Each structure stands twice: as structure tokens, then as C-alpha cells.
Amino acid sequence: MSTKAIAQELAAVRQRLAALEAKVSSASKPAWQAIVGTAKGDDLDREAARLGSLWRKRENKRR
């Protein structure tokens, strides 16, 4: 493979890498968070815990 061909291939790979990096950085939510959910201590986690506590108290009063 000639030096010119290697340089062209490298330029093509750099362009594809730049396009992939642009797609990844423009994601509105990290992929792991979309799959797993919220982290402990997060606002959504605290709200879910609060609502769960309210629900359990209501259910325990019914019994």
C-alpha cells in the first residue's frame, strides 16, 4: 500500500470518527441512564421513593 493510499484511508477514518463523535456528544441523555434509569440520590430517585412511601402508607391503612 502506498503512502498516498494510507493517507487517504486515514483521512476517511478520521471523517467517520468525527461523525460518530458528533452523534455521541449530541445525545440528550446518556445511554446507560436510558437503559438503567436513575442513580441513587438523583431527583427522580427521591421522588420515586417519596411516592412509594405514600403508597405503602395508604395500603397499610386499608388493611
PDB file of N, CA and C in Angstrom:
ATOM      1  N   MET A   1       0.842  -1.163   0.000  1.00  0.00           N
ATOM      2  CA  MET A   1       0.000   0.000   0.000  1.00  0.00           C
ATOM      3  C   MET A   1       0.896   1.237   0.000  1.00  0.00           C
ATOM      4  N   SER A   2       0.578   2.171  -0.864  1.00  0.00           N
ATOM      5  CA  SER A   2       1.422   3.357  -0.975  1.00  0.00           C
ATOM      6  C   SER A   2       1.105   4.342   0.142  1.00  0.00           C
ATOM      7  N   THR A   3       2.021   5.260   0.318  1.00  0.00           N
ATOM      8  CA  THR A   3       1.848   6.282   1.343  1.00  0.00           C
ATOM      9  C   THR A   3       0.612   7.129   1.051  1.00  0.00           C
ATOM     10  N   LYS A   4       0.367   7.413  -0.225  1.00  0.00           N
ATOM     11  CA  LYS A   4      -0.797   8.230  -0.603  1.00  0.00           C
ATOM     12  C   LYS A   4      -2.104   7.496  -0.262  1.00  0.00           C
ATOM     13  N   ALA A   5      -2.142   6.205  -0.523  1.00  0.00           N
ATOM     14  CA  ALA A   5      -3.342   5.417  -0.226  1.00  0.00           C
ATOM     15  C   ALA A   5      -3.577   5.348   1.283  1.00  0.00           C
ATOM     16  N   ILE A   6      -2.511   5.195   2.040  1.00  0.00           N
ATOM     17  CA  ILE A   6      -2.630   5.157   3.505  1.00  0.00           C
ATOM     18  C   ILE A   6      -3.139   6.500   4.023  1.00  0.00           C
ATOM     19  N   ALA A   7      -2.626   7.595   3.476  1.00  0.00           N
ATOM     20  CA  ALA A   7      -3.062   8.922   3.893  1.00  0.00           C
ATOM     21  C   ALA A   7      -4.542   9.134   3.569  1.00  0.00           C
ATOM     22  N   GLN A   8      -4.989   8.663   2.423  1.00  0.00           N
ATOM     23  CA  GLN A   8      -6.400   8.791   2.053  1.00  0.00           C
ATOM     24  C   GLN A   8      -7.284   7.953   2.983  1.00  0.00           C
ATOM     25  N   GLU A   9      -6.848   6.750   3.266  1.00  0.00           N
ATOM     26  CA  GLU A   9      -7.611   5.882   4.175  1.00  0.00           C
ATOM     27  C   GLU A   9      -7.680   6.482   5.575  1.00  0.00           C
ATOM     28  N   LEU A  10      -6.578   7.031   6.037  1.00  0.00           N
ATOM     29  CA  LEU A  10      -6.544   7.677   7.348  1.00  0.00           C
ATOM     30  C   LEU A  10      -7.495   8.872   7.385  1.00  0.00           C
ATOM     31  N   ALA A  11      -7.519   9.653   6.331  1.00  0.00           N
ATOM     32  CA  ALA A  11      -8.429  10.803   6.266  1.00  0.00           C
ATOM     33  C   ALA A  11      -9.884  10.339   6.309  1.00  0.00           C
ATOM     34  N   ALA A  12     -10.207   9.259   5.629  1.00  0.00           N
ATOM     35  CA  ALA A  12     -11.567   8.725   5.631  1.00  0.00           C
ATOM     36  C   ALA A  12     -11.953   8.229   7.020  1.00  0.00           C
ATOM     37  N   VAL A  13     -11.029   7.564   7.682  1.00  0.00           N
ATOM     38  CA  VAL A  13     -11.292   7.061   9.034  1.00  0.00           C
ATOM     39  C   VAL A  13     -11.498   8.233   9.999  1.00  0.00           C
ATOM     40  N   ARG A  14     -10.699   9.284   9.857  1.00  0.00           N
ATOM     41  CA  ARG A  14     -10.860  10.459  10.714  1.00  0.00           C
ATOM     42  C   ARG A  14     -12.223  11.113  10.503  1.00  0.00           C
ATOM     43  N   GLN A  15     -12.685  11.162   9.266  1.00  0.00           N
ATOM     44  CA  GLN A  15     -14.001  11.747   8.987  1.00  0.00           C
ATOM     45  C   GLN A  15     -15.108  10.916   9.624  1.00  0.00           C
ATOM     46  N   ARG A  16     -15.017   9.603   9.497  1.00  0.00           N
ATOM     47  CA  ARG A  16     -16.032   8.738  10.111  1.00  0.00           C
ATOM     48  C   ARG A  16     -16.011   8.862  11.623  1.00  0.00           C
ATOM     49  N   LEU A  17     -14.831   8.947  12.201  1.00  0.00           N
ATOM     50  CA  LEU A  17     -14.700   9.108  13.645  1.00  0.00           C
ATOM     51  C   LEU A  17     -15.314  10.427  14.099  1.00  0.00           C
ATOM     52  N   ALA A  18     -15.065  11.495  13.370  1.00  0.00           N
ATOM     53  CA  ALA A  18     -15.633  12.794  13.723  1.00  0.00           C
ATOM     54  C   ALA A  18     -17.162  12.749  13.659  1.00  0.00           C
ATOM     55  N   ALA A  19     -17.707  12.072  12.652  1.00  0.00           N
ATOM     56  CA  ALA A  19     -19.163  11.953  12.536  1.00  0.00           C
ATOM     57  C   ALA A  19     -19.740  11.157  13.702  1.00  0.00           C
ATOM     58  N   LEU A  20     -19.077  10.072  14.089  1.00  0.00           N
ATOM     59  CA  LEU A  20     -19.541   9.265  15.221  1.00  0.00           C
ATOM     60  C   LEU A  20     -19.453  10.038  16.536  1.00  0.00           C
ATOM     61  N   GLU A  21     -18.380  10.778  16.725  1.00  0.00           N
ATOM     62  CA  GLU A  21     -18.232  11.574  17.949  1.00  0.00           C
ATOM     63  C   GLU A  21     -19.310  12.650  18.025  1.00  0.00           C
ATOM     64  N   ALA A  22     -19.672  13.237  16.883  1.00  0.00           N
ATOM     65  CA  ALA A  22     -20.726  14.252  16.870  1.00  0.00           C
ATOM     66  C   ALA A  22     -22.063  13.631  17.258  1.00  0.00           C
ATOM     67  N   LYS A  23     -22.335  12.422  16.790  1.00  0.00           N
ATOM     68  CA  LYS A  23     -23.585  11.748  17.146  1.00  0.00           C
ATOM     69  C   LYS A  23     -23.629  11.442  18.634  1.00  0.00           C
ATOM     70  N   VAL A  24     -22.540  10.965  19.174  1.00  0.00           N
ATOM     71  CA  VAL A  24     -22.487  10.578  20.582  1.00  0.00           C
ATOM     72  C   VAL A  24     -22.611  11.805  21.479  1.00  0.00           C
ATOM     73  N   SER A  25     -21.942  12.875  21.149  1.00  0.00           N
ATOM     74  CA  SER A  25     -21.966  14.055  22.013  1.00  0.00           C
ATOM     75  C   SER A  25     -23.298  14.786  21.942  1.00  0.00           C
ATOM     76  N   SER A  26     -24.076  14.566  20.898  1.00  0.00           N
ATOM     77  CA  SER A  26     -25.349  15.265  20.778  1.00  0.00           C
ATOM     78  C   SER A  26     -26.498  14.509  21.460  1.00  0.00           C
ATOM     79  N   ALA A  27     -26.216  13.368  22.041  1.00  0.00           N
ATOM     80  CA  ALA A  27     -27.268  12.601  22.721  1.00  0.00           C
ATOM     81  C   ALA A  27     -27.785  13.410  23.911  1.00  0.00           C
ATOM     82  N   SER A  28     -29.097  13.467  24.065  1.00  0.00           N
ATOM     83  CA  SER A  28     -29.678  14.262  25.131  1.00  0.00           C
ATOM     84  C   SER A  28     -29.562  13.581  26.487  1.00  0.00           C
ATOM     85  N   LYS A  29     -29.479  12.270  26.506  1.00  0.00           N
ATOM     86  CA  LYS A  29     -29.421  11.525  27.755  1.00  0.00           C
ATOM     87  C   LYS A  29     -28.380  10.417  27.597  1.00  0.00           C
ATOM     88  N   PRO A  30     -27.528  10.221  28.586  1.00  0.00           N
ATOM     89  CA  PRO A  30     -26.549   9.143  28.472  1.00  0.00           C
ATOM     90  C   PRO A  30     -27.241   7.796  28.265  1.00  0.00           C
ATOM     91  N   ALA A  31     -26.664   6.980  27.427  1.00  0.00           N
ATOM     92  CA  ALA A  31     -27.272   5.692  27.085  1.00  0.00           C
ATOM     93  C   ALA A  31     -27.474   4.821  28.323  1.00  0.00           C
ATOM     94  N   TRP A  32     -26.511   4.796  29.230  1.00  0.00           N
ATOM     95  CA  TRP A  32     -26.660   3.946  30.414  1.00  0.00           C
ATOM     96  C   TRP A  32     -27.843   4.396  31.241  1.00  0.00           C
ATOM     97  N   GLN A  33     -28.102   5.713  31.304  1.00  0.00           N
ATOM     98  CA  GLN A  33     -29.205   6.193  32.115  1.00  0.00           C
ATOM     99  C   GLN A  33     -30.544   5.846  31.467  1.00  0.00           C
ATOM    100  N   ALA A  34     -30.597   5.864  30.150  1.00  0.00           N
ATOM    101  CA  ALA A  34     -31.831   5.491  29.458  1.00  0.00           C
ATOM    102  C   ALA A  34     -32.136   4.019  29.681  1.00  0.00           C
ATOM    103  N   ILE A  35     -31.099   3.193  29.783  1.00  0.00           N
ATOM    104  CA  ILE A  35     -31.294   1.755  29.961  1.00  0.00           C
ATOM    105  C   ILE A  35     -31.540   1.406  31.425  1.00  0.00           C
ATOM    106  N   VAL A  36     -30.710   1.920  32.305  1.00  0.00           N
ATOM    107  CA  VAL A  36     -30.748   1.543  33.711  1.00  0.00           C
ATOM    108  C   VAL A  36     -31.751   2.373  34.493  1.00  0.00           C
ATOM    109  N   GLY A  37     -31.821   3.647  34.253  1.00  0.00           N
ATOM    110  CA  GLY A  37     -32.711   4.526  34.997  1.00  0.00           C
ATOM    111  C   GLY A  37     -31.938   5.573  35.743  1.00  0.00           C
ATOM    112  N   THR A  38     -32.412   5.928  36.906  1.00  0.00           N
ATOM    113  CA  THR A  38     -31.786   6.993  37.670  1.00  0.00           C
ATOM    114  C   THR A  38     -30.798   6.423  38.677  1.00  0.00           C
ATOM    115  N   ALA A  39     -29.947   7.279  39.154  1.00  0.00           N
ATOM    116  CA  ALA A  39     -28.963   6.881  40.153  1.00  0.00           C
ATOM    117  C   ALA A  39     -29.479   7.218  41.541  1.00  0.00           C
ATOM    118  N   LYS A  40     -29.006   6.511  42.523  1.00  0.00           N
ATOM    119  CA  LYS A  40     -29.403   6.754  43.909  1.00  0.00           C
ATOM    120  C   LYS A  40     -29.052   8.188  44.280  1.00  0.00           C
ATOM    121  N   GLY A  41     -30.012   8.871  44.887  1.00  0.00           N
ATOM    122  CA  GLY A  41     -29.789  10.256  45.279  1.00  0.00           C
ATOM    123  C   GLY A  41     -30.197  11.258  44.214  1.00  0.00           C
ATOM    124  N   ASP A  42     -30.534  10.796  43.041  1.00  0.00           N
ATOM    125  CA  ASP A  42     -30.982  11.661  41.964  1.00  0.00           C
ATOM    126  C   ASP A  42     -32.370  12.205  42.311  1.00  0.00           C
ATOM    127  N   ASP A  43     -32.755  13.322  41.723  1.00  0.00           N
ATOM    128  CA  ASP A  43     -34.074  13.907  41.990  1.00  0.00           C
ATOM    129  C   ASP A  43     -35.197  12.929  41.682  1.00  0.00           C
ATOM    130  N   LEU A  44     -35.096  12.227  40.563  1.00  0.00           N
ATOM    131  CA  LEU A  44     -36.131  11.260  40.203  1.00  0.00           C
ATOM    132  C   LEU A  44     -36.180  10.093  41.179  1.00  0.00           C
ATOM    133  N   ASP A  45     -35.023   9.689  41.667  1.00  0.00           N
ATOM    134  CA  ASP A  45     -34.962   8.602  42.644  1.00  0.00           C
ATOM    135  C   ASP A  45     -35.648   9.013  43.946  1.00  0.00           C
ATOM    136  N   ARG A  46     -35.375  10.217  44.389  1.00  0.00           N
ATOM    137  CA  ARG A  46     -36.008  10.706  45.627  1.00  0.00           C
ATOM    138  C   ARG A  46     -37.515  10.824  45.462  1.00  0.00           C
ATOM    139  N   GLU A  47     -37.961  11.304  44.309  1.00  0.00           N
ATOM    140  CA  GLU A  47     -39.395  11.421  44.067  1.00  0.00           C
ATOM    141  C   GLU A  47     -40.059  10.047  44.031  1.00  0.00           C
ATOM    142  N   ALA A  48     -39.414   9.082  43.399  1.00  0.00           N
ATOM    143  CA  ALA A  48     -39.960   7.725  43.359  1.00  0.00           C
ATOM    144  C   ALA A  48     -40.038   7.137  44.772  1.00  0.00           C
ATOM    145  N   ALA A  49     -39.033   7.375  45.588  1.00  0.00           N
ATOM    146  CA  ALA A  49     -39.047   6.875  46.968  1.00  0.00           C
ATOM    147  C   ALA A  49     -40.168   7.535  47.766  1.00  0.00           C
ATOM    148  N   ARG A  50     -40.370   8.831  47.565  1.00  0.00           N
ATOM    149  CA  ARG A  50     -41.419   9.545  48.283  1.00  0.00           C
ATOM    150  C   ARG A  50     -42.800   9.009  47.894  1.00  0.00           C
ATOM    151  N   LEU A  51     -43.030   8.850  46.602  1.00  0.00           N
ATOM    152  CA  LEU A  51     -44.317   8.342  46.145  1.00  0.00           C
ATOM    153  C   LEU A  51     -44.541   6.904  46.608  1.00  0.00           C
ATOM    154  N   GLY A  52     -43.489   6.099  46.606  1.00  0.00           N
ATOM    155  CA  GLY A  52     -43.604   4.731  47.089  1.00  0.00           C
ATOM    156  C   GLY A  52     -43.958   4.681  48.563  1.00  0.00           C
ATOM    157  N   SER A  53     -43.373   5.579  49.330  1.00  0.00           N
ATOM    158  CA  SER A  53     -43.673   5.640  50.762  1.00  0.00           C
ATOM    159  C   SER A  53     -45.132   6.024  50.997  1.00  0.00           C
ATOM    160  N   LEU A  54     -45.620   7.005  50.252  1.00  0.00           N
ATOM    161  CA  LEU A  54     -47.026   7.402  50.375  1.00  0.00           C
ATOM    162  C   LEU A  54     -47.959   6.249  50.020  1.00  0.00           C
ATOM    163  N   TRP A  55     -47.636   5.550  48.975  1.00  0.00           N
ATOM    164  CA  TRP A  55     -48.474   4.422  48.540  1.00  0.00           C
ATOM    165  C   TRP A  55     -48.505   3.333  49.602  1.00  0.00           C
ATOM    166  N   ARG A  56     -47.326   3.003  50.171  1.00  0.00           N
ATOM    167  CA  ARG A  56     -47.263   1.966  51.196  1.00  0.00           C
ATOM    168  C   ARG A  56     -48.065   2.360  52.434  1.00  0.00           C
ATOM    169  N   LYS A  57     -47.991   3.633  52.830  1.00  0.00           N
ATOM    170  CA  LYS A  57     -48.767   4.086  53.998  1.00  0.00           C
ATOM    171  C   LYS A  57     -50.263   3.939  53.735  1.00  0.00           C
ATOM    172  N   ARG A  58     -50.729   4.303  52.550  1.00  0.00           N
ATOM    173  CA  ARG A  58     -52.150   4.153  52.223  1.00  0.00           C
ATOM    174  C   ARG A  58     -52.555   2.686  52.212  1.00  0.00           C
ATOM    175  N   GLU A  59     -51.734   1.844  51.643  1.00  0.00           N
ATOM    176  CA  GLU A  59     -52.043   0.419  51.579  1.00  0.00           C
ATOM    177  C   GLU A  59     -52.081  -0.200  52.972  1.00  0.00           C
ATOM    178  N   ASN A  60     -51.175   0.215  53.847  1.00  0.00           N
ATOM    179  CA  ASN A  60     -51.149  -0.329  55.212  1.00  0.00           C
ATOM    180  C   ASN A  60     -52.360   0.116  56.010  1.00  0.00           C
ATOM    181  N   LYS A  61     -52.879   1.301  55.762  1.00  0.00           N
ATOM    182  CA  LYS A  61     -54.079   1.771  56.468  1.00  0.00           C
ATOM    183  C   LYS A  61     -55.318   1.003  56.040  1.00  0.00           C
ATOM    184  N   ARG A  62     -55.348   0.545  54.790  1.00  0.00           N
ATOM    185  CA  ARG A  62     -56.510  -0.194  54.278  1.00  0.00           C
ATOM    186  C   ARG A  62     -56.626  -1.565  54.916  1.00  0.00           C
ATOM    187  N   ARG A  63     -55.571  -2.114  55.393  1.00  0.00           N
ATOM    188  CA  ARG A  63     -55.575  -3.490  55.925  1.00  0.00           C
ATOM    189  C   ARG A  63     -55.933  -3.539  57.355  1.00  0.00           C
TER     190      ARG A  63
END
